[in-house]
Amino acid sequence: MRMDRKGVPWKSRRRLAALFGAALVVAAFDTKADDRHAGYYYPPPENVETYQVRVRTLPGMSTKKRVAFVIAMSQQLLERPYPPPVAIFAKGENKEKLIIVSSSSGRLDTIYRVRAYLASLTSNARLTPIFRELGMEETLTFFDLLKMIGFERITVSDGESFTHQVRFE
């Protein structure tokens, strides 16, 4: 039986390498199958986290309402006296996936910049009438607002090499 320098049979090493390679292929396939927008609108997410929402989707939320929300957010960006820093759009069969992609290099290219951007969106969300009516403007986040509208996840990318995704449970 042929051995390597460490005394491990070559046959065992090849089997281990084959299993490792197969695991990588399966993992890559699962990611692509689960996120068909990766590789088209943004690079595959390096980071996928789960956020435990504190609210339920509001009754009557629909694809049309999610699209209206995205249009309103985009309109606010277009009304500013400078080019929009991001493109915001909804995808998925029921427009349940919110996607935010930077319009220029050097933005949203690290986890820290993405988290800071999302925190600023939380500040804006806390000014909404619905948060005030619930009396939870100090507790709920932008993610909770998205879940209330019926989004299942948000993907934020620099549009070049960095993507962060948050799924809501």
N, C-alpha and C. Protein backbone atom coordinates (compact mmCIF):
# COMPACT_ATOMS: atom_id res chain seq x y z
N MET A 1 0.86 -1.17 0.00
CA MET A 1 0.00 0.00 0.00
C MET A 1 0.90 1.23 0.00
N ARG A 2 0.61 2.17 -0.89
CA ARG A 2 1.41 3.38 -1.01
C ARG A 2 0.99 4.41 0.04
N MET A 3 1.98 5.01 0.73
CA MET A 3 1.71 5.96 1.81
C MET A 3 2.32 7.32 1.47
N ASP A 4 1.72 8.36 2.06
CA ASP A 4 2.34 9.69 1.91
C ASP A 4 3.37 9.88 3.02
N ARG A 5 3.94 11.11 3.09
CA ARG A 5 4.99 11.39 4.09
C ARG A 5 4.52 11.19 5.52
N LYS A 6 3.24 11.37 5.76
CA LYS A 6 2.73 11.27 7.13
C LYS A 6 2.21 9.87 7.46
N GLY A 7 2.36 8.96 6.53
CA GLY A 7 1.94 7.59 6.79
C GLY A 7 0.46 7.35 6.50
N VAL A 8 -0.19 8.28 5.80
CA VAL A 8 -1.61 8.12 5.46
C VAL A 8 -1.69 7.49 4.07
N PRO A 9 -2.49 6.42 3.94
CA PRO A 9 -2.61 5.78 2.62
C PRO A 9 -3.15 6.77 1.57
N TRP A 10 -2.54 6.73 0.36
CA TRP A 10 -2.97 7.64 -0.73
C TRP A 10 -4.43 7.44 -1.06
N LYS A 11 -4.90 6.22 -0.99
CA LYS A 11 -6.30 5.93 -1.30
C LYS A 11 -7.23 6.69 -0.35
N SER A 12 -6.89 6.75 0.92
CA SER A 12 -7.68 7.47 1.92
C SER A 12 -7.67 8.97 1.64
N ARG A 13 -6.50 9.49 1.26
CA ARG A 13 -6.38 10.92 0.95
C ARG A 13 -7.25 11.28 -0.25
N ARG A 14 -7.23 10.41 -1.27
CA ARG A 14 -8.04 10.68 -2.47
C ARG A 14 -9.53 10.64 -2.14
N ARG A 15 -9.94 9.70 -1.31
CA ARG A 15 -11.35 9.62 -0.92
C ARG A 15 -11.77 10.87 -0.15
N LEU A 16 -10.92 11.29 0.77
CA LEU A 16 -11.20 12.50 1.56
C LEU A 16 -11.30 13.73 0.65
N ALA A 17 -10.37 13.83 -0.30
CA ALA A 17 -10.39 14.96 -1.25
C ALA A 17 -11.65 14.91 -2.10
N ALA A 18 -12.05 13.73 -2.53
CA ALA A 18 -13.26 13.60 -3.35
C ALA A 18 -14.50 13.99 -2.55
N LEU A 19 -14.57 13.55 -1.30
CA LEU A 19 -15.71 13.91 -0.45
C LEU A 19 -15.76 15.42 -0.21
N PHE A 20 -14.61 16.00 0.05
CA PHE A 20 -14.53 17.44 0.28
C PHE A 20 -14.98 18.20 -0.98
N GLY A 21 -14.50 17.76 -2.14
CA GLY A 21 -14.88 18.39 -3.41
C GLY A 21 -16.38 18.26 -3.65
N ALA A 22 -16.94 17.09 -3.38
CA ALA A 22 -18.38 16.89 -3.56
C ALA A 22 -19.18 17.79 -2.63
N ALA A 23 -18.71 17.95 -1.40
CA ALA A 23 -19.39 18.83 -0.45
C ALA A 23 -19.38 20.27 -0.94
N LEU A 24 -18.27 20.70 -1.51
CA LEU A 24 -18.19 22.07 -2.05
C LEU A 24 -19.16 22.26 -3.21
N VAL A 25 -19.24 21.27 -4.08
CA VAL A 25 -20.16 21.36 -5.22
C VAL A 25 -21.60 21.43 -4.73
N VAL A 26 -21.96 20.58 -3.79
CA VAL A 26 -23.32 20.59 -3.24
C VAL A 26 -23.62 21.92 -2.58
N ALA A 27 -22.69 22.45 -1.80
CA ALA A 27 -22.90 23.74 -1.13
C ALA A 27 -23.08 24.85 -2.15
N ALA A 28 -22.29 24.86 -3.19
CA ALA A 28 -22.42 25.88 -4.24
C ALA A 28 -23.74 25.73 -4.95
N PHE A 29 -24.16 24.49 -5.23
CA PHE A 29 -25.43 24.27 -5.91
C PHE A 29 -26.59 24.73 -5.05
N ASP A 30 -26.56 24.41 -3.75
CA ASP A 30 -27.63 24.83 -2.85
C ASP A 30 -27.76 26.34 -2.81
N THR A 31 -26.64 27.06 -2.74
CA THR A 31 -26.67 28.52 -2.70
C THR A 31 -27.27 29.07 -3.97
N LYS A 32 -26.84 28.57 -5.13
CA LYS A 32 -27.36 29.06 -6.40
C LYS A 32 -28.82 28.70 -6.56
N ALA A 33 -29.21 27.49 -6.18
CA ALA A 33 -30.60 27.09 -6.32
C ALA A 33 -31.50 27.93 -5.44
N ASP A 34 -31.01 28.29 -4.28
CA ASP A 34 -31.80 29.06 -3.32
C ASP A 34 -31.84 30.54 -3.69
N ASP A 35 -30.84 31.04 -4.38
CA ASP A 35 -30.76 32.47 -4.69
C ASP A 35 -30.40 32.64 -6.17
N ARG A 36 -31.41 32.61 -7.01
CA ARG A 36 -31.15 32.69 -8.45
C ARG A 36 -30.72 34.08 -8.91
N HIS A 37 -30.80 35.07 -8.03
CA HIS A 37 -30.37 36.43 -8.39
C HIS A 37 -28.87 36.64 -8.17
N ALA A 38 -28.28 35.75 -7.36
CA ALA A 38 -26.83 35.83 -7.14
C ALA A 38 -26.13 35.54 -8.46
N GLY A 39 -25.14 36.36 -8.75
CA GLY A 39 -24.42 36.21 -9.99
C GLY A 39 -25.00 37.03 -11.12
N TYR A 40 -26.21 37.58 -10.91
CA TYR A 40 -26.82 38.44 -11.92
C TYR A 40 -26.89 39.89 -11.43
N TYR A 41 -27.52 40.08 -10.28
CA TYR A 41 -27.62 41.42 -9.70
C TYR A 41 -26.50 41.72 -8.71
N TYR A 42 -25.93 40.68 -8.14
CA TYR A 42 -24.90 40.82 -7.13
C TYR A 42 -24.10 39.52 -7.05
N PRO A 43 -22.88 39.62 -6.52
CA PRO A 43 -22.10 38.40 -6.32
C PRO A 43 -22.77 37.50 -5.27
N PRO A 44 -22.53 36.21 -5.30
CA PRO A 44 -23.10 35.35 -4.26
C PRO A 44 -22.74 35.88 -2.87
N PRO A 45 -23.71 35.85 -1.94
CA PRO A 45 -23.47 36.40 -0.60
C PRO A 45 -22.34 35.69 0.13
N GLU A 46 -21.43 36.48 0.68
CA GLU A 46 -20.39 35.94 1.55
C GLU A 46 -20.97 35.67 2.93
N ASN A 47 -21.89 36.53 3.31
CA ASN A 47 -22.50 36.46 4.64
C ASN A 47 -24.00 36.32 4.49
N VAL A 48 -24.56 35.29 5.13
CA VAL A 48 -26.01 35.13 5.19
C VAL A 48 -26.34 34.98 6.66
N GLU A 49 -27.17 35.90 7.15
CA GLU A 49 -27.55 35.80 8.55
C GLU A 49 -29.06 35.70 8.66
N THR A 50 -29.52 35.28 9.80
CA THR A 50 -30.94 35.17 10.07
C THR A 50 -31.30 36.17 11.14
N TYR A 51 -32.38 36.90 10.90
CA TYR A 51 -32.87 37.88 11.87
C TYR A 51 -34.21 37.39 12.40
N GLN A 52 -34.31 37.31 13.71
CA GLN A 52 -35.55 36.89 14.36
C GLN A 52 -36.46 38.10 14.49
N VAL A 53 -37.46 38.20 13.60
CA VAL A 53 -38.35 39.35 13.62
C VAL A 53 -39.27 39.31 14.84
N ARG A 54 -39.72 40.49 15.23
CA ARG A 54 -40.59 40.60 16.41
C ARG A 54 -42.03 40.89 16.04
N VAL A 55 -42.33 40.82 14.75
CA VAL A 55 -43.67 41.13 14.26
C VAL A 55 -44.08 40.11 13.21
N ARG A 56 -45.34 40.16 12.87
CA ARG A 56 -45.86 39.32 11.79
C ARG A 56 -46.13 40.19 10.58
N THR A 57 -46.27 39.53 9.44
CA THR A 57 -46.68 40.26 8.24
C THR A 57 -48.10 40.76 8.47
N LEU A 58 -48.32 42.03 8.15
CA LEU A 58 -49.63 42.62 8.35
C LEU A 58 -50.65 42.02 7.38
N PRO A 59 -51.90 41.88 7.83
CA PRO A 59 -52.93 41.36 6.92
C PRO A 59 -53.08 42.29 5.71
N GLY A 60 -53.31 41.70 4.57
CA GLY A 60 -53.55 42.48 3.37
C GLY A 60 -52.29 42.91 2.62
N MET A 61 -51.12 42.53 3.13
CA MET A 61 -49.90 42.88 2.41
C MET A 61 -49.83 42.04 1.14
N SER A 62 -49.45 42.66 0.06
CA SER A 62 -49.47 42.00 -1.23
C SER A 62 -48.24 42.39 -2.05
N THR A 63 -48.10 41.73 -3.17
CA THR A 63 -47.02 42.07 -4.10
C THR A 63 -47.11 43.54 -4.47
N LYS A 64 -48.31 43.99 -4.75
CA LYS A 64 -48.53 45.38 -5.15
C LYS A 64 -48.06 46.35 -4.07
N LYS A 65 -48.30 46.05 -2.82
CA LYS A 65 -47.88 46.93 -1.72
C LYS A 65 -46.37 46.91 -1.53
N ARG A 66 -45.75 45.76 -1.74
CA ARG A 66 -44.29 45.71 -1.64
C ARG A 66 -43.65 46.51 -2.78
N VAL A 67 -44.21 46.41 -3.96
CA VAL A 67 -43.71 47.19 -5.09
C VAL A 67 -43.89 48.68 -4.81
N ALA A 68 -45.03 49.06 -4.26
CA ALA A 68 -45.28 50.47 -3.93
C ALA A 68 -44.27 50.98 -2.90
N PHE A 69 -43.92 50.15 -1.94
CA PHE A 69 -42.92 50.52 -0.93
C PHE A 69 -41.57 50.78 -1.59
N VAL A 70 -41.16 49.90 -2.48
CA VAL A 70 -39.88 50.05 -3.17
C VAL A 70 -39.90 51.31 -4.05
N ILE A 71 -41.00 51.54 -4.72
CA ILE A 71 -41.12 52.74 -5.55
C ILE A 71 -41.00 54.00 -4.69
N ALA A 72 -41.64 54.00 -3.52
CA ALA A 72 -41.57 55.16 -2.62
C ALA A 72 -40.13 55.39 -2.14
N MET A 73 -39.44 54.32 -1.77
CA MET A 73 -38.04 54.46 -1.34
C MET A 73 -37.18 54.99 -2.48
N SER A 74 -37.37 54.45 -3.68
CA SER A 74 -36.59 54.89 -4.83
C SER A 74 -36.90 56.35 -5.17
N GLN A 75 -38.16 56.73 -5.07
CA GLN A 75 -38.56 58.10 -5.36
C GLN A 75 -37.88 59.08 -4.41
N GLN A 76 -37.80 58.72 -3.13
CA GLN A 76 -37.11 59.58 -2.15
C GLN A 76 -35.65 59.79 -2.56
N LEU A 77 -35.02 58.74 -3.03
CA LEU A 77 -33.62 58.85 -3.46
C LEU A 77 -33.48 59.73 -4.69
N LEU A 78 -34.43 59.62 -5.61
CA LEU A 78 -34.38 60.39 -6.86
C LEU A 78 -34.66 61.88 -6.65
N GLU A 79 -35.36 62.21 -5.56
CA GLU A 79 -35.69 63.61 -5.28
C GLU A 79 -34.53 64.39 -4.69
N ARG A 80 -33.50 63.73 -4.30
CA ARG A 80 -32.34 64.41 -3.74
C ARG A 80 -31.55 65.11 -4.84
N PRO A 81 -30.78 66.14 -4.48
CA PRO A 81 -30.07 66.92 -5.51
C PRO A 81 -28.78 66.26 -6.04
N TYR A 82 -28.61 64.98 -5.78
CA TYR A 82 -27.44 64.26 -6.25
C TYR A 82 -27.87 62.87 -6.71
N PRO A 83 -27.05 62.21 -7.48
CA PRO A 83 -27.42 60.87 -7.98
C PRO A 83 -27.68 59.90 -6.82
N PRO A 84 -28.63 59.00 -6.99
CA PRO A 84 -28.93 58.03 -5.92
C PRO A 84 -27.71 57.16 -5.62
N PRO A 85 -27.40 56.98 -4.33
CA PRO A 85 -26.25 56.16 -3.97
C PRO A 85 -26.48 54.66 -4.14
N VAL A 86 -27.75 54.26 -4.23
CA VAL A 86 -28.10 52.84 -4.35
C VAL A 86 -29.27 52.66 -5.30
N ALA A 87 -29.38 51.46 -5.82
CA ALA A 87 -30.58 51.03 -6.56
C ALA A 87 -31.33 50.08 -5.64
N ILE A 88 -32.63 50.27 -5.54
CA ILE A 88 -33.46 49.45 -4.67
C ILE A 88 -34.53 48.80 -5.53
N PHE A 89 -34.68 47.49 -5.40
CA PHE A 89 -35.71 46.81 -6.16
C PHE A 89 -36.14 45.54 -5.45
N ALA A 90 -37.29 45.02 -5.85
CA ALA A 90 -37.83 43.80 -5.27
C ALA A 90 -37.87 42.73 -6.35
N LYS A 91 -37.54 41.52 -5.97
CA LYS A 91 -37.54 40.39 -6.89
C LYS A 91 -38.24 39.22 -6.21
N GLY A 92 -38.39 38.16 -6.97
CA GLY A 92 -39.07 36.98 -6.47
C GLY A 92 -40.47 36.93 -7.06
N GLU A 93 -41.06 35.76 -7.03
CA GLU A 93 -42.39 35.56 -7.61
C GLU A 93 -43.41 36.54 -7.04
N ASN A 94 -43.30 36.80 -5.73
CA ASN A 94 -44.23 37.73 -5.06
C ASN A 94 -43.53 38.99 -4.59
N LYS A 95 -42.39 39.29 -5.20
CA LYS A 95 -41.60 40.48 -4.83
C LYS A 95 -41.30 40.47 -3.33
N GLU A 96 -40.90 39.31 -2.83
CA GLU A 96 -40.63 39.13 -1.40
C GLU A 96 -39.16 39.28 -1.03
N LYS A 97 -38.33 39.59 -2.02
CA LYS A 97 -36.89 39.73 -1.79
C LYS A 97 -36.48 41.17 -2.10
N LEU A 98 -36.06 41.91 -1.09
CA LEU A 98 -35.60 43.28 -1.29
C LEU A 98 -34.11 43.25 -1.60
N ILE A 99 -33.71 43.97 -2.64
CA ILE A 99 -32.31 44.01 -3.05
C ILE A 99 -31.87 45.47 -3.09
N ILE A 100 -30.72 45.75 -2.49
CA ILE A 100 -30.12 47.09 -2.52
C ILE A 100 -28.70 46.93 -3.03
N VAL A 101 -28.39 47.65 -4.12
CA VAL A 101 -27.06 47.56 -4.73
C VAL A 101 -26.50 48.97 -4.86
N SER A 102 -25.26 49.13 -4.43
CA SER A 102 -24.58 50.42 -4.52
C SER A 102 -24.45 50.85 -5.98
N SER A 103 -24.58 52.16 -6.20
CA SER A 103 -24.44 52.72 -7.55
C SER A 103 -23.01 53.14 -7.86
N SER A 104 -22.15 53.10 -6.85
CA SER A 104 -20.77 53.52 -7.09
C SER A 104 -19.80 52.70 -6.25
N SER A 105 -18.56 52.69 -6.69
CA SER A 105 -17.52 51.92 -5.98
C SER A 105 -17.24 52.53 -4.61
N GLY A 106 -16.83 51.68 -3.68
CA GLY A 106 -16.43 52.14 -2.36
C GLY A 106 -17.57 52.29 -1.37
N ARG A 107 -18.78 51.90 -1.75
CA ARG A 107 -19.93 51.95 -0.84
C ARG A 107 -20.45 50.53 -0.63
N LEU A 108 -20.90 50.27 0.54
CA LEU A 108 -21.49 48.98 0.88
C LEU A 108 -20.57 47.82 0.52
N ASP A 109 -19.27 48.03 0.72
CA ASP A 109 -18.29 47.02 0.34
C ASP A 109 -17.68 46.27 1.52
N THR A 110 -18.17 46.54 2.72
CA THR A 110 -17.76 45.77 3.89
C THR A 110 -18.99 45.51 4.75
N ILE A 111 -18.90 44.53 5.60
CA ILE A 111 -20.01 44.22 6.49
C ILE A 111 -20.32 45.42 7.39
N TYR A 112 -19.32 46.17 7.77
CA TYR A 112 -19.51 47.30 8.67
C TYR A 112 -20.26 48.43 7.97
N ARG A 113 -19.94 48.70 6.71
CA ARG A 113 -20.65 49.73 5.96
C ARG A 113 -22.09 49.32 5.71
N VAL A 114 -22.30 48.05 5.42
CA VAL A 114 -23.66 47.56 5.21
C VAL A 114 -24.46 47.68 6.50
N ARG A 115 -23.89 47.27 7.61
CA ARG A 115 -24.62 47.36 8.88
C ARG A 115 -24.91 48.81 9.25
N ALA A 116 -23.98 49.72 8.98
CA ALA A 116 -24.21 51.14 9.26
C ALA A 116 -25.34 51.66 8.37
N TYR A 117 -25.34 51.28 7.12
CA TYR A 117 -26.40 51.70 6.20
C TYR A 117 -27.76 51.18 6.67
N LEU A 118 -27.80 49.91 7.05
CA LEU A 118 -29.06 49.34 7.54
C LEU A 118 -29.51 50.02 8.83
N ALA A 119 -28.57 50.40 9.68
CA ALA A 119 -28.92 51.12 10.91
C ALA A 119 -29.54 52.48 10.57
N SER A 120 -29.03 53.13 9.53
CA SER A 120 -29.62 54.42 9.14
C SER A 120 -31.04 54.20 8.59
N LEU A 121 -31.28 53.09 7.92
CA LEU A 121 -32.64 52.78 7.46
C LEU A 121 -33.56 52.49 8.64
N THR A 122 -33.00 51.90 9.71
CA THR A 122 -33.80 51.70 10.92
C THR A 122 -34.20 53.03 11.52
N SER A 123 -33.29 53.99 11.54
CA SER A 123 -33.63 55.33 12.06
C SER A 123 -34.79 55.92 11.29
N ASN A 124 -34.76 55.80 9.98
CA ASN A 124 -35.86 56.32 9.16
C ASN A 124 -37.15 55.56 9.40
N ALA A 125 -37.05 54.24 9.54
CA ALA A 125 -38.25 53.42 9.76
C ALA A 125 -38.93 53.78 11.08
N ARG A 126 -38.14 54.16 12.06
CA ARG A 126 -38.71 54.50 13.36
C ARG A 126 -39.53 55.80 13.34
N LEU A 127 -39.42 56.55 12.26
CA LEU A 127 -40.21 57.76 12.10
C LEU A 127 -41.56 57.49 11.44
N THR A 128 -41.77 56.26 10.99
CA THR A 128 -43.02 55.95 10.29
C THR A 128 -44.20 55.91 11.25
N PRO A 129 -45.37 56.30 10.74
CA PRO A 129 -46.58 56.29 11.58
C PRO A 129 -46.89 54.91 12.18
N ILE A 130 -46.63 53.84 11.43
CA ILE A 130 -46.97 52.52 11.95
C ILE A 130 -46.16 52.17 13.19
N PHE A 131 -44.89 52.53 13.23
CA PHE A 131 -44.08 52.26 14.41
C PHE A 131 -44.58 53.10 15.59
N ARG A 132 -44.95 54.34 15.32
CA ARG A 132 -45.46 55.20 16.40
C ARG A 132 -46.79 54.68 16.91
N GLU A 133 -47.66 54.25 16.00
CA GLU A 133 -48.97 53.72 16.40
C GLU A 133 -48.82 52.48 17.27
N LEU A 134 -47.84 51.66 16.96
CA LEU A 134 -47.59 50.46 17.76
C LEU A 134 -46.88 50.78 19.07
N GLY A 135 -46.34 52.01 19.16
CA GLY A 135 -45.60 52.39 20.36
C GLY A 135 -44.29 51.64 20.48
N MET A 136 -43.73 51.23 19.35
CA MET A 136 -42.51 50.41 19.38
C MET A 136 -41.40 51.04 18.55
N GLU A 137 -41.45 52.36 18.38
CA GLU A 137 -40.45 53.01 17.55
C GLU A 137 -39.04 52.90 18.10
N GLU A 138 -38.90 52.60 19.38
CA GLU A 138 -37.57 52.43 19.97
C GLU A 138 -37.09 50.98 19.92
N THR A 139 -37.99 50.07 19.57
CA THR A 139 -37.67 48.65 19.61
C THR A 139 -37.53 48.01 18.23
N LEU A 140 -38.47 48.32 17.35
CA LEU A 140 -38.48 47.67 16.04
C LEU A 140 -37.40 48.24 15.13
N THR A 141 -37.03 47.44 14.14
CA THR A 141 -35.97 47.82 13.20
C THR A 141 -36.51 47.86 11.77
N PHE A 142 -35.66 48.28 10.86
CA PHE A 142 -36.00 48.27 9.44
C PHE A 142 -36.35 46.85 9.01
N PHE A 143 -35.67 45.85 9.55
CA PHE A 143 -35.99 44.46 9.21
C PHE A 143 -37.41 44.11 9.63
N ASP A 144 -37.82 44.59 10.81
CA ASP A 144 -39.19 44.33 11.27
C ASP A 144 -40.20 44.99 10.33
N LEU A 145 -39.90 46.21 9.89
CA LEU A 145 -40.78 46.90 8.94
C LEU A 145 -40.89 46.09 7.65
N LEU A 146 -39.76 45.59 7.15
CA LEU A 146 -39.80 44.79 5.93
C LEU A 146 -40.67 43.55 6.12
N LYS A 147 -40.55 42.89 7.27
CA LYS A 147 -41.37 41.70 7.53
C LYS A 147 -42.84 42.07 7.61
N MET A 148 -43.15 43.21 8.19
CA MET A 148 -44.54 43.65 8.28
C MET A 148 -45.14 43.83 6.89
N ILE A 149 -44.33 44.24 5.95
CA ILE A 149 -44.78 44.46 4.58
C ILE A 149 -44.82 43.14 3.80
N GLY A 150 -44.13 42.13 4.30
CA GLY A 150 -44.17 40.82 3.67
C GLY A 150 -42.88 40.39 2.98
N PHE A 151 -41.80 41.13 3.20
CA PHE A 151 -40.52 40.69 2.65
C PHE A 151 -39.98 39.53 3.47
N GLU A 152 -39.28 38.63 2.80
CA GLU A 152 -38.69 37.47 3.47
C GLU A 152 -37.19 37.62 3.69
N ARG A 153 -36.56 38.51 2.92
CA ARG A 153 -35.14 38.73 3.08
C ARG A 153 -34.72 40.02 2.40
N ILE A 154 -33.52 40.47 2.77
CA ILE A 154 -32.91 41.64 2.15
C ILE A 154 -31.49 41.26 1.77
N THR A 155 -31.08 41.71 0.59
CA THR A 155 -29.72 41.49 0.11
C THR A 155 -29.12 42.85 -0.19
N VAL A 156 -27.94 43.12 0.37
CA VAL A 156 -27.26 44.40 0.16
C VAL A 156 -25.88 44.09 -0.43
N SER A 157 -25.54 44.82 -1.51
CA SER A 157 -24.28 44.54 -2.20
C SER A 157 -23.61 45.82 -2.68
N ASP A 158 -22.30 45.75 -2.80
CA ASP A 158 -21.56 46.85 -3.42
C ASP A 158 -21.63 46.77 -4.94
N GLY A 159 -22.23 45.70 -5.46
CA GLY A 159 -22.38 45.53 -6.89
C GLY A 159 -21.11 45.09 -7.59
N GLU A 160 -20.12 44.72 -6.80
CA GLU A 160 -18.84 44.34 -7.39
C GLU A 160 -18.31 43.03 -6.82
N SER A 161 -18.07 43.02 -5.50
CA SER A 161 -17.46 41.83 -4.92
C SER A 161 -18.01 41.45 -3.54
N PHE A 162 -18.83 42.30 -2.93
CA PHE A 162 -19.30 42.05 -1.58
C PHE A 162 -20.83 42.02 -1.54
N THR A 163 -21.38 41.00 -0.90
CA THR A 163 -22.83 40.88 -0.72
C THR A 163 -23.11 40.36 0.68
N HIS A 164 -24.12 40.95 1.31
CA HIS A 164 -24.58 40.50 2.63
C HIS A 164 -26.08 40.27 2.52
N GLN A 165 -26.54 39.16 3.04
CA GLN A 165 -27.96 38.83 2.97
C GLN A 165 -28.50 38.53 4.37
N VAL A 166 -29.71 39.01 4.62
CA VAL A 166 -30.38 38.75 5.90
C VAL A 166 -31.74 38.13 5.58
N ARG A 167 -31.97 36.98 6.16
CA ARG A 167 -33.27 36.28 6.01
C ARG A 167 -34.05 36.47 7.29
N PHE A 168 -35.35 36.67 7.15
CA PHE A 168 -36.21 36.93 8.30
C PHE A 168 -36.94 35.68 8.73
N GLU A 169 -36.90 35.38 10.03
CA GLU A 169 -37.66 34.25 10.60
C GLU A 169 -38.61 34.76 11.64
